[in-house]
């Protein structure tokens, strides 16, 4: 693989805490398909990791609780024929998933007021449009 996968900032996924499992991919293939274990399952124990700051860890556990099994998150990759490329894909997926899960919450929205002048202009234009339409009716004829 091409070095440590950075989640965000200086925090990266430690190779020692990654658990790999390989199996045969499903789907069509050639003569090589019955002998190569190209599907990759990457597991990362979010609950027991020491590599994430405590605040990030808490956020990740909270946001990923639907995907976690006993505090462990699993990512699968089987798109490519080569195990190496599937490993890369799984690592990228895991890193992006953790980056998204540990991101700080968005800032709360500040309510804004519509300036009085804009509102008055809108009402004036509505009134003028109504007068124009009322003038088109033939009830005075």
C-alpha atoms as a PDB file:
ATOM      1  CA  UNK A   1       0.000   0.000   0.000  1.00  0.00           C
ATOM      2  CA  UNK A   2       1.032   3.585  -0.421  1.00  0.00           C
ATOM      3  CA  UNK A   3       1.765   4.628   3.161  1.00  0.00           C
ATOM      4  CA  UNK A   4      -0.515   5.480   6.058  1.00  0.00           C
ATOM      5  CA  UNK A   5      -4.023   6.618   5.192  1.00  0.00           C
ATOM      6  CA  UNK A   6      -4.733  10.005   6.659  1.00  0.00           C
ATOM      7  CA  UNK A   7      -8.193  10.513   8.079  1.00  0.00           C
ATOM      8  CA  UNK A   8      -7.874  14.248   8.662  1.00  0.00           C
ATOM      9  CA  UNK A   9      -5.042  16.501   9.749  1.00  0.00           C
ATOM     10  CA  UNK A  10      -2.266  14.512  11.403  1.00  0.00           C
ATOM     11  CA  UNK A  11      -4.491  11.551  12.368  1.00  0.00           C
ATOM     12  CA  UNK A  12      -4.013   8.436  10.256  1.00  0.00           C
ATOM     13  CA  UNK A  13      -5.064   4.789  10.300  1.00  0.00           C
ATOM     14  CA  UNK A  14      -2.386   2.690  12.048  1.00  0.00           C
ATOM     15  CA  UNK A  15      -1.516  -0.479  10.134  1.00  0.00           C
ATOM     16  CA  UNK A  16      -1.323  -2.472  13.387  1.00  0.00           C
ATOM     17  CA  UNK A  17      -5.013  -1.855  14.184  1.00  0.00           C
ATOM     18  CA  UNK A  18      -6.328  -2.949  10.788  1.00  0.00           C
ATOM     19  CA  UNK A  19      -7.659  -6.497  10.490  1.00  0.00           C
ATOM     20  CA  UNK A  20      -7.720  -7.971   6.977  1.00  0.00           C
ATOM     21  CA  UNK A  21      -9.721 -10.947   5.712  1.00  0.00           C
ATOM     22  CA  UNK A  22      -9.589 -12.293   2.173  1.00  0.00           C
ATOM     23  CA  UNK A  23     -12.043 -14.519   0.344  1.00  0.00           C
ATOM     24  CA  UNK A  24     -13.085 -15.404  -3.176  1.00  0.00           C
ATOM     25  CA  UNK A  25     -15.130 -12.791  -4.974  1.00  0.00           C
ATOM     26  CA  UNK A  26     -18.529 -13.699  -6.308  1.00  0.00           C
ATOM     27  CA  UNK A  27     -19.531 -13.257  -9.918  1.00  0.00           C
ATOM     28  CA  UNK A  28     -18.158 -14.413 -13.255  1.00  0.00           C
ATOM     29  CA  UNK A  29     -14.512 -15.068 -13.899  1.00  0.00           C
ATOM     30  CA  UNK A  30     -12.062 -17.133 -15.850  1.00  0.00           C
ATOM     31  CA  UNK A  31      -9.740 -19.988 -14.985  1.00  0.00           C
ATOM     32  CA  UNK A  32      -8.108 -17.917 -12.249  1.00  0.00           C
ATOM     33  CA  UNK A  33     -11.357 -17.226 -10.357  1.00  0.00           C
ATOM     34  CA  UNK A  34     -11.488 -20.421  -8.290  1.00  0.00           C
ATOM     35  CA  UNK A  35      -8.004 -20.018  -6.877  1.00  0.00           C
ATOM     36  CA  UNK A  36      -7.601 -16.331  -6.023  1.00  0.00           C
ATOM     37  CA  UNK A  37      -8.855 -14.701  -2.855  1.00  0.00           C
ATOM     38  CA  UNK A  38      -9.430 -11.233  -4.278  1.00  0.00           C
ATOM     39  CA  UNK A  39     -12.341 -10.009  -2.134  1.00  0.00           C
ATOM     40  CA  UNK A  40     -11.126  -7.960   0.814  1.00  0.00           C
ATOM     41  CA  UNK A  41     -12.819  -7.297   4.137  1.00  0.00           C
ATOM     42  CA  UNK A  42     -11.159  -4.661   6.278  1.00  0.00           C
ATOM     43  CA  UNK A  43     -12.122  -4.369   9.926  1.00  0.00           C
ATOM     44  CA  UNK A  44     -11.237  -1.549  12.322  1.00  0.00           C
ATOM     45  CA  UNK A  45     -12.045  -1.547  16.039  1.00  0.00           C
ATOM     46  CA  UNK A  46     -13.300   1.984  16.631  1.00  0.00           C
ATOM     47  CA  UNK A  47     -14.159   1.330  20.289  1.00  0.00           C
ATOM     48  CA  UNK A  48     -10.684   0.076  21.245  1.00  0.00           C
ATOM     49  CA  UNK A  49      -8.485   2.288  19.078  1.00  0.00           C
ATOM     50  CA  UNK A  50      -5.955   4.649  20.619  1.00  0.00           C
ATOM     51  CA  UNK A  51      -5.137   6.414  17.363  1.00  0.00           C
ATOM     52  CA  UNK A  52      -8.239   8.643  17.343  1.00  0.00           C
ATOM     53  CA  UNK A  53      -8.586  11.616  19.701  1.00  0.00           C
ATOM     54  CA  UNK A  54     -11.257  10.958  22.359  1.00  0.00           C
ATOM     55  CA  UNK A  55     -13.698  13.511  20.893  1.00  0.00           C
ATOM     56  CA  UNK A  56     -13.393  11.989  17.412  1.00  0.00           C
ATOM     57  CA  UNK A  57     -13.784   8.496  18.801  1.00  0.00           C
ATOM     58  CA  UNK A  58     -16.979   9.487  20.612  1.00  0.00           C
ATOM     59  CA  UNK A  59     -18.380  11.113  17.450  1.00  0.00           C
ATOM     60  CA  UNK A  60     -17.496   8.076  15.319  1.00  0.00           C
ATOM     61  CA  UNK A  61     -19.111   5.647  17.779  1.00  0.00           C
ATOM     62  CA  UNK A  62     -22.245   7.770  17.855  1.00  0.00           C
ATOM     63  CA  UNK A  63     -22.565   8.390  14.101  1.00  0.00           C
ATOM     64  CA  UNK A  64     -21.615   4.876  12.991  1.00  0.00           C
ATOM     65  CA  UNK A  65     -23.595   2.974  15.609  1.00  0.00           C
ATOM     66  CA  UNK A  66     -25.826   1.410  12.940  1.00  0.00           C
ATOM     67  CA  UNK A  67     -22.810  -0.031  11.103  1.00  0.00           C
ATOM     68  CA  UNK A  68     -20.773  -1.131  14.121  1.00  0.00           C
ATOM     69  CA  UNK A  69     -20.761  -4.674  15.450  1.00  0.00           C
ATOM     70  CA  UNK A  70     -19.271  -4.727  18.961  1.00  0.00           C
ATOM     71  CA  UNK A  71     -17.464  -1.463  18.212  1.00  0.00           C
ATOM     72  CA  UNK A  72     -15.885  -2.809  15.003  1.00  0.00           C
ATOM     73  CA  UNK A  73     -16.585  -1.389  11.564  1.00  0.00           C
ATOM     74  CA  UNK A  74     -16.176  -3.582   8.465  1.00  0.00           C
ATOM     75  CA  UNK A  75     -15.648  -2.464   4.869  1.00  0.00           C
ATOM     76  CA  UNK A  76     -15.687  -4.805   1.858  1.00  0.00           C
ATOM     77  CA  UNK A  77     -14.216  -4.364  -1.592  1.00  0.00           C
ATOM     78  CA  UNK A  78     -14.450  -6.795  -4.506  1.00  0.00           C
ATOM     79  CA  UNK A  79     -14.711  -4.587  -7.608  1.00  0.00           C
ATOM     80  CA  UNK A  80     -11.246  -5.328  -8.930  1.00  0.00           C
ATOM     81  CA  UNK A  81      -9.692  -8.597 -10.014  1.00  0.00           C
ATOM     82  CA  UNK A  82      -6.538  -7.953  -8.051  1.00  0.00           C
ATOM     83  CA  UNK A  83      -6.429  -8.282  -4.289  1.00  0.00           C
ATOM     84  CA  UNK A  84      -3.978  -5.383  -4.103  1.00  0.00           C
ATOM     85  CA  UNK A  85      -6.384  -2.939  -5.748  1.00  0.00           C
ATOM     86  CA  UNK A  86      -9.249  -4.182  -3.569  1.00  0.00           C
ATOM     87  CA  UNK A  87      -7.090  -3.541  -0.497  1.00  0.00           C
ATOM     88  CA  UNK A  88      -6.453   0.021  -1.671  1.00  0.00           C
ATOM     89  CA  UNK A  89     -10.175   0.537  -2.312  1.00  0.00           C
ATOM     90  CA  UNK A  90     -11.144  -0.783   1.127  1.00  0.00           C
ATOM     91  CA  UNK A  91      -8.582   1.446   2.844  1.00  0.00           C
ATOM     92  CA  UNK A  92      -9.785   4.538   1.001  1.00  0.00           C
ATOM     93  CA  UNK A  93     -13.411   3.703   1.870  1.00  0.00           C
ATOM     94  CA  UNK A  94     -12.607   3.192   5.537  1.00  0.00           C
ATOM     95  CA  UNK A  95     -10.584   6.404   5.744  1.00  0.00           C
ATOM     96  CA  UNK A  96     -13.336   8.463   4.089  1.00  0.00           C
ATOM     97  CA  UNK A  97     -16.002   6.849   6.273  1.00  0.00           C
ATOM     98  CA  UNK A  98     -14.053   7.703   9.417  1.00  0.00           C
ATOM     99  CA  UNK A  99     -13.304  11.221   8.162  1.00  0.00           C
ATOM    100  CA  UNK A 100     -17.004  11.826   7.582  1.00  0.00           C
ATOM    101  CA  UNK A 101     -17.999  10.295  10.930  1.00  0.00           C
ATOM    102  CA  UNK A 102     -15.439  12.296  12.938  1.00  0.00           C
ATOM    103  CA  UNK A 103     -16.085  15.639  11.245  1.00  0.00           C
ATOM    104  CA  UNK A 104     -17.224  18.400  13.574  1.00  0.00           C
ATOM    105  CA  UNK A 105     -20.931  19.196  13.522  1.00  0.00           C
ATOM    106  CA  UNK A 106     -21.975  22.037  11.220  1.00  0.00           C
ATOM    107  CA  UNK A 107     -22.372  25.491  12.706  1.00  0.00           C
ATOM    108  CA  UNK A 108     -25.916  26.331  13.747  1.00  0.00           C
ATOM    109  CA  UNK A 109     -27.788  28.465  11.242  1.00  0.00           C
ATOM    110  CA  UNK A 110     -28.255  32.088  12.172  1.00  0.00           C
ATOM    111  CA  UNK A 111     -31.689  33.428  11.399  1.00  0.00           C
ATOM    112  CA  UNK A 112     -31.673  36.401   9.068  1.00  0.00           C
ATOM    113  CA  UNK A 113     -34.319  39.061   8.653  1.00  0.00           C
ATOM    114  CA  UNK A 114     -35.598  40.281   5.331  1.00  0.00           C
ATOM    115  CA  UNK A 115     -34.919  44.027   5.131  1.00  0.00           C
ATOM    116  CA  UNK A 116     -38.075  46.123   5.361  1.00  0.00           C
ATOM    117  CA  UNK A 117     -37.381  47.906   2.070  1.00  0.00           C
ATOM    118  CA  UNK A 118     -37.243  44.642   0.120  1.00  0.00           C
ATOM    119  CA  UNK A 119     -40.510  43.454   1.645  1.00  0.00           C
ATOM    120  CA  UNK A 120     -42.257  46.763   0.937  1.00  0.00           C
ATOM    121  CA  UNK A 121     -41.035  46.727  -2.678  1.00  0.00           C
ATOM    122  CA  UNK A 122     -42.322  43.177  -3.115  1.00  0.00           C
ATOM    123  CA  UNK A 123     -45.761  44.126  -1.759  1.00  0.00           C
ATOM    124  CA  UNK A 124     -45.858  47.288  -3.939  1.00  0.00           C
ATOM    125  CA  UNK A 125     -45.029  45.232  -7.055  1.00  0.00           C
ATOM    126  CA  UNK A 126     -47.715  42.678  -6.156  1.00  0.00           C
ATOM    127  CA  UNK A 127     -50.278  45.449  -5.747  1.00  0.00           C
ATOM    128  CA  UNK A 128     -49.267  46.962  -9.105  1.00  0.00           C
ATOM    129  CA  UNK A 129     -49.513  43.582 -10.825  1.00  0.00           C
ATOM    130  CA  UNK A 130     -52.967  43.054  -9.347  1.00  0.00           C
ATOM    131  CA  UNK A 131     -54.088  46.461 -10.628  1.00  0.00           C
ATOM    132  CA  UNK A 132     -52.807  45.570 -14.105  1.00  0.00           C
ATOM    133  CA  UNK A 133     -54.762  42.313 -14.092  1.00  0.00           C
ATOM    134  CA  UNK A 134     -57.872  43.958 -12.691  1.00  0.00           C
ATOM    135  CA  UNK A 135     -57.684  46.513 -15.514  1.00  0.00           C
ATOM    136  CA  UNK A 136     -57.807  43.698 -18.080  1.00  0.00           C
ATOM    137  CA  UNK A 137     -61.229  42.473 -16.962  1.00  0.00           C
ATOM    138  CA  UNK A 138     -64.156  43.788 -19.010  1.00  0.00           C
ATOM    139  CA  UNK A 139     -66.562  44.373 -16.174  1.00  0.00           C
ATOM    140  CA  UNK A 140     -66.673  48.195 -16.671  1.00  0.00           C
ATOM    141  CA  UNK A 141     -67.774  47.942 -20.291  1.00  0.00           C
END
